Amino acid sequence: MKFYLVGGEVRFLTHKVEWQERGETQTREFYDPAKKDAFIDRLQERDIEYTVTKYDPPSQEIRNKVSGKKFDTIEEARQFIESDIEPVTLESLAEIVADIIGGAI
């Protein structure tokens, strides 16, 4: 699974565009389909042939897991995604605190 970190948030790649320029294969990956479409429009305006590869999207479970989370590095995000540890939410934290307080009484 490929992704970028944008403003600390995980953005999963959706497409890869490849084209030939100056005898070399160029590649650009996109997490935003609108930006991919705009880039393809520019290639078409220049009559440049290209190939688009669509990446398989991550599962809804993974998308939910990273939704609203901020990370400092791609490695930190990758470890979080690959771990079996459930993310701490405000609701789960409230349950933990209630359990602690309830057990102390």
N, C-alpha and C. Protein backbone atom coordinates (compact mmCIF):
# COMPACT_ATOMS: atom_id res chain seq x y z
N MET A 1 0.85 -1.16 0.00
CA MET A 1 0.00 0.00 0.00
C MET A 1 0.91 1.23 0.00
N LYS A 2 0.60 2.11 -0.92
CA LYS A 2 1.41 3.31 -1.06
C LYS A 2 0.62 4.52 -0.58
N PHE A 3 1.34 5.42 0.11
CA PHE A 3 0.70 6.64 0.58
C PHE A 3 1.73 7.73 0.76
N TYR A 4 1.23 8.96 0.81
CA TYR A 4 2.03 10.14 1.14
C TYR A 4 1.54 10.66 2.47
N LEU A 5 2.36 11.46 3.10
CA LEU A 5 1.97 12.16 4.31
C LEU A 5 1.82 13.63 3.92
N VAL A 6 0.60 14.15 4.03
CA VAL A 6 0.32 15.53 3.61
C VAL A 6 -0.22 16.28 4.83
N GLY A 7 0.55 17.23 5.30
CA GLY A 7 0.14 17.95 6.51
C GLY A 7 -0.02 17.03 7.70
N GLY A 8 0.76 15.96 7.73
CA GLY A 8 0.69 15.00 8.82
C GLY A 8 -0.37 13.93 8.65
N GLU A 9 -1.23 14.07 7.64
CA GLU A 9 -2.31 13.10 7.43
C GLU A 9 -1.96 12.15 6.28
N VAL A 10 -2.40 10.91 6.41
CA VAL A 10 -2.15 9.89 5.39
C VAL A 10 -3.06 10.13 4.19
N ARG A 11 -2.46 10.15 3.00
CA ARG A 11 -3.19 10.24 1.74
C ARG A 11 -2.77 9.06 0.89
N PHE A 12 -3.69 8.15 0.65
CA PHE A 12 -3.39 6.95 -0.11
C PHE A 12 -3.32 7.26 -1.60
N LEU A 13 -2.31 6.71 -2.26
CA LEU A 13 -2.15 6.94 -3.69
C LEU A 13 -3.26 6.22 -4.45
N THR A 14 -3.77 6.89 -5.48
CA THR A 14 -4.86 6.32 -6.27
C THR A 14 -4.41 5.92 -7.67
N HIS A 15 -3.44 6.66 -8.24
CA HIS A 15 -3.02 6.41 -9.62
C HIS A 15 -1.55 6.71 -9.82
N LYS A 16 -1.00 6.07 -10.84
CA LYS A 16 0.35 6.37 -11.31
C LYS A 16 0.24 6.68 -12.80
N VAL A 17 0.89 7.76 -13.24
CA VAL A 17 0.92 8.13 -14.65
C VAL A 17 2.37 8.02 -15.12
N GLU A 18 2.56 7.32 -16.24
CA GLU A 18 3.89 7.17 -16.83
C GLU A 18 3.86 7.70 -18.26
N TRP A 19 4.95 8.35 -18.67
CA TRP A 19 5.06 8.88 -20.02
C TRP A 19 6.54 8.96 -20.39
N GLN A 20 6.80 9.09 -21.68
CA GLN A 20 8.16 9.22 -22.18
C GLN A 20 8.46 10.69 -22.45
N GLU A 21 9.60 11.14 -21.95
CA GLU A 21 10.02 12.51 -22.22
C GLU A 21 11.54 12.53 -22.32
N ARG A 22 12.02 13.09 -23.42
CA ARG A 22 13.47 13.17 -23.69
C ARG A 22 14.11 11.79 -23.61
N GLY A 23 13.40 10.78 -24.10
CA GLY A 23 13.93 9.42 -24.14
C GLY A 23 13.95 8.69 -22.82
N GLU A 24 13.37 9.28 -21.81
CA GLU A 24 13.33 8.64 -20.49
C GLU A 24 11.89 8.46 -20.02
N THR A 25 11.66 7.36 -19.31
CA THR A 25 10.35 7.13 -18.73
C THR A 25 10.20 7.98 -17.48
N GLN A 26 9.14 8.77 -17.45
CA GLN A 26 8.83 9.62 -16.31
C GLN A 26 7.63 9.02 -15.58
N THR A 27 7.60 9.18 -14.28
CA THR A 27 6.51 8.65 -13.46
C THR A 27 6.06 9.70 -12.47
N ARG A 28 4.76 9.78 -12.29
CA ARG A 28 4.19 10.66 -11.26
C ARG A 28 3.02 9.94 -10.62
N GLU A 29 2.98 9.96 -9.28
CA GLU A 29 1.90 9.30 -8.55
C GLU A 29 0.98 10.35 -7.95
N PHE A 30 -0.30 9.97 -7.83
CA PHE A 30 -1.32 10.91 -7.37
C PHE A 30 -2.16 10.30 -6.25
N TYR A 31 -2.53 11.14 -5.29
CA TYR A 31 -3.50 10.76 -4.26
C TYR A 31 -4.80 11.50 -4.46
N ASP A 32 -4.81 12.43 -5.40
CA ASP A 32 -5.99 13.25 -5.68
C ASP A 32 -6.38 13.04 -7.15
N PRO A 33 -7.51 12.35 -7.40
CA PRO A 33 -7.92 12.09 -8.79
C PRO A 33 -8.09 13.35 -9.63
N ALA A 34 -8.52 14.46 -9.04
CA ALA A 34 -8.68 15.71 -9.80
C ALA A 34 -7.33 16.22 -10.29
N LYS A 35 -6.30 16.11 -9.45
CA LYS A 35 -4.96 16.53 -9.87
C LYS A 35 -4.41 15.61 -10.95
N LYS A 36 -4.72 14.32 -10.84
CA LYS A 36 -4.31 13.38 -11.88
C LYS A 36 -4.96 13.75 -13.21
N ASP A 37 -6.25 14.05 -13.19
CA ASP A 37 -6.97 14.41 -14.41
C ASP A 37 -6.41 15.70 -15.02
N ALA A 38 -6.09 16.68 -14.20
CA ALA A 38 -5.51 17.94 -14.69
C ALA A 38 -4.14 17.69 -15.32
N PHE A 39 -3.36 16.80 -14.71
CA PHE A 39 -2.05 16.48 -15.25
C PHE A 39 -2.18 15.78 -16.61
N ILE A 40 -3.12 14.85 -16.70
CA ILE A 40 -3.36 14.14 -17.96
C ILE A 40 -3.81 15.12 -19.05
N ASP A 41 -4.63 16.09 -18.68
CA ASP A 41 -5.05 17.12 -19.64
C ASP A 41 -3.83 17.84 -20.22
N ARG A 42 -2.86 18.16 -19.36
CA ARG A 42 -1.65 18.85 -19.84
C ARG A 42 -0.84 17.95 -20.77
N LEU A 43 -0.76 16.66 -20.45
CA LEU A 43 -0.05 15.72 -21.33
C LEU A 43 -0.74 15.64 -22.69
N GLN A 44 -2.07 15.59 -22.67
CA GLN A 44 -2.84 15.51 -23.92
C GLN A 44 -2.66 16.78 -24.76
N GLU A 45 -2.62 17.94 -24.11
CA GLU A 45 -2.41 19.20 -24.83
C GLU A 45 -1.07 19.20 -25.56
N ARG A 46 -0.11 18.48 -25.00
CA ARG A 46 1.24 18.41 -25.59
C ARG A 46 1.39 17.19 -26.49
N ASP A 47 0.30 16.45 -26.72
CA ASP A 47 0.30 15.23 -27.54
C ASP A 47 1.30 14.19 -27.04
N ILE A 48 1.39 14.06 -25.74
CA ILE A 48 2.28 13.07 -25.13
C ILE A 48 1.46 11.85 -24.75
N GLU A 49 1.92 10.67 -25.20
CA GLU A 49 1.24 9.42 -24.84
C GLU A 49 1.61 9.07 -23.41
N TYR A 50 0.67 8.47 -22.72
CA TYR A 50 0.86 8.16 -21.31
C TYR A 50 0.12 6.87 -20.98
N THR A 51 0.47 6.32 -19.83
CA THR A 51 -0.21 5.14 -19.29
C THR A 51 -0.64 5.46 -17.87
N VAL A 52 -1.88 5.12 -17.54
CA VAL A 52 -2.39 5.34 -16.19
C VAL A 52 -2.57 3.98 -15.52
N THR A 53 -2.01 3.84 -14.34
CA THR A 53 -2.19 2.63 -13.53
C THR A 53 -2.98 3.01 -12.30
N LYS A 54 -4.09 2.30 -12.07
CA LYS A 54 -4.90 2.57 -10.88
C LYS A 54 -4.44 1.65 -9.76
N TYR A 55 -4.20 2.23 -8.59
CA TYR A 55 -3.82 1.44 -7.42
C TYR A 55 -5.07 0.94 -6.71
N ASP A 56 -4.97 -0.27 -6.17
CA ASP A 56 -6.07 -0.80 -5.37
C ASP A 56 -6.19 0.03 -4.09
N PRO A 57 -7.40 0.42 -3.74
CA PRO A 57 -7.56 1.23 -2.52
C PRO A 57 -7.36 0.36 -1.28
N PRO A 58 -6.95 0.98 -0.18
CA PRO A 58 -6.84 0.23 1.08
C PRO A 58 -8.23 -0.13 1.58
N SER A 59 -8.28 -1.06 2.50
CA SER A 59 -9.57 -1.46 3.06
C SER A 59 -10.20 -0.30 3.82
N GLN A 60 -11.51 -0.37 3.97
CA GLN A 60 -12.22 0.66 4.75
C GLN A 60 -11.70 0.68 6.18
N GLU A 61 -11.33 -0.49 6.70
CA GLU A 61 -10.80 -0.58 8.06
C GLU A 61 -9.52 0.25 8.20
N ILE A 62 -8.63 0.16 7.23
CA ILE A 62 -7.39 0.93 7.28
C ILE A 62 -7.68 2.42 7.12
N ARG A 63 -8.57 2.76 6.20
CA ARG A 63 -8.91 4.18 6.02
C ARG A 63 -9.51 4.75 7.29
N ASN A 64 -10.38 3.99 7.96
CA ASN A 64 -10.97 4.44 9.23
C ASN A 64 -9.91 4.58 10.31
N LYS A 65 -8.95 3.65 10.30
CA LYS A 65 -7.91 3.64 11.33
C LYS A 65 -7.07 4.92 11.30
N VAL A 66 -6.77 5.44 10.11
CA VAL A 66 -5.91 6.62 10.01
C VAL A 66 -6.69 7.93 9.90
N SER A 67 -8.00 7.82 9.73
CA SER A 67 -8.82 9.02 9.56
C SER A 67 -8.69 9.94 10.77
N GLY A 68 -8.33 11.18 10.52
CA GLY A 68 -8.22 12.17 11.59
C GLY A 68 -6.95 12.09 12.40
N LYS A 69 -6.06 11.15 12.10
CA LYS A 69 -4.80 11.01 12.84
C LYS A 69 -3.72 11.84 12.16
N LYS A 70 -2.81 12.37 12.95
CA LYS A 70 -1.66 13.13 12.45
C LYS A 70 -0.39 12.37 12.79
N PHE A 71 0.55 12.36 11.84
CA PHE A 71 1.82 11.66 12.02
C PHE A 71 2.96 12.61 11.68
N ASP A 72 4.11 12.38 12.31
CA ASP A 72 5.28 13.21 12.04
C ASP A 72 6.11 12.67 10.88
N THR A 73 6.11 11.34 10.70
CA THR A 73 6.91 10.73 9.64
C THR A 73 6.10 9.64 8.93
N ILE A 74 6.54 9.33 7.72
CA ILE A 74 5.90 8.23 6.97
C ILE A 74 6.11 6.92 7.71
N GLU A 75 7.29 6.73 8.29
CA GLU A 75 7.57 5.49 9.02
C GLU A 75 6.64 5.34 10.23
N GLU A 76 6.39 6.42 10.93
CA GLU A 76 5.46 6.39 12.07
C GLU A 76 4.06 5.98 11.59
N ALA A 77 3.62 6.55 10.49
CA ALA A 77 2.31 6.21 9.94
C ALA A 77 2.27 4.76 9.49
N ARG A 78 3.34 4.30 8.82
CA ARG A 78 3.39 2.91 8.35
C ARG A 78 3.31 1.93 9.52
N GLN A 79 4.05 2.21 10.58
CA GLN A 79 4.02 1.33 11.76
C GLN A 79 2.63 1.31 12.38
N PHE A 80 1.99 2.46 12.44
CA PHE A 80 0.64 2.54 12.99
C PHE A 80 -0.33 1.73 12.15
N ILE A 81 -0.25 1.87 10.83
CA ILE A 81 -1.14 1.15 9.91
C ILE A 81 -0.93 -0.35 10.04
N GLU A 82 0.32 -0.77 10.15
CA GLU A 82 0.63 -2.20 10.18
C GLU A 82 0.46 -2.84 11.55
N SER A 83 0.27 -2.04 12.59
CA SER A 83 0.12 -2.60 13.93
C SER A 83 -1.30 -3.11 14.16
N ASP A 84 -1.40 -3.99 15.14
CA ASP A 84 -2.72 -4.52 15.52
C ASP A 84 -3.33 -3.72 16.65
N ILE A 85 -2.63 -2.68 17.09
CA ILE A 85 -3.11 -1.87 18.21
C ILE A 85 -4.24 -0.96 17.71
N GLU A 86 -5.32 -0.97 18.43
CA GLU A 86 -6.45 -0.12 18.08
C GLU A 86 -6.13 1.33 18.41
N PRO A 87 -6.49 2.25 17.56
CA PRO A 87 -6.23 3.66 17.87
C PRO A 87 -7.06 4.12 19.06
N VAL A 88 -6.49 5.02 19.85
CA VAL A 88 -7.21 5.55 21.00
C VAL A 88 -8.11 6.69 20.51
N THR A 89 -9.38 6.55 20.81
CA THR A 89 -10.34 7.60 20.47
C THR A 89 -10.78 8.26 21.76
N LEU A 90 -11.45 9.37 21.65
CA LEU A 90 -11.96 10.05 22.83
C LEU A 90 -12.92 9.14 23.59
N GLU A 91 -13.74 8.41 22.85
CA GLU A 91 -14.70 7.50 23.48
C GLU A 91 -14.00 6.36 24.22
N SER A 92 -12.98 5.76 23.57
CA SER A 92 -12.28 4.65 24.22
C SER A 92 -11.49 5.15 25.42
N LEU A 93 -10.94 6.37 25.35
CA LEU A 93 -10.22 6.93 26.47
C LEU A 93 -11.18 7.19 27.64
N ALA A 94 -12.39 7.65 27.34
CA ALA A 94 -13.39 7.88 28.38
C ALA A 94 -13.76 6.56 29.06
N GLU A 95 -13.86 5.49 28.28
CA GLU A 95 -14.17 4.17 28.86
C GLU A 95 -13.04 3.71 29.78
N ILE A 96 -11.79 3.93 29.35
CA ILE A 96 -10.64 3.53 30.17
C ILE A 96 -10.64 4.30 31.48
N VAL A 97 -10.85 5.60 31.43
CA VAL A 97 -10.89 6.43 32.64
C VAL A 97 -12.02 5.99 33.54
N ALA A 98 -13.21 5.73 32.96
CA ALA A 98 -14.34 5.27 33.77
C ALA A 98 -14.04 3.95 34.45
N ASP A 99 -13.35 3.05 33.74
CA ASP A 99 -12.97 1.77 34.34
C ASP A 99 -12.01 1.97 35.50
N ILE A 100 -11.05 2.86 35.32
CA ILE A 100 -10.07 3.13 36.38
C ILE A 100 -10.74 3.73 37.60
N ILE A 101 -11.59 4.73 37.36
CA ILE A 101 -12.28 5.40 38.47
C ILE A 101 -13.23 4.42 39.15
N GLY A 102 -13.95 3.66 38.35
CA GLY A 102 -14.90 2.68 38.92
C GLY A 102 -14.20 1.61 39.73
N GLY A 103 -12.99 1.20 39.30
CA GLY A 103 -12.24 0.18 40.02
C GLY A 103 -11.61 0.70 41.29
N ALA A 104 -11.44 2.02 41.40
CA ALA A 104 -10.81 2.62 42.56
C ALA A 104 -11.80 2.85 43.69
N ILE A 105 -13.08 2.77 43.38
CA ILE A 105 -14.10 3.06 44.40
C ILE A 105 -14.36 1.87 45.27
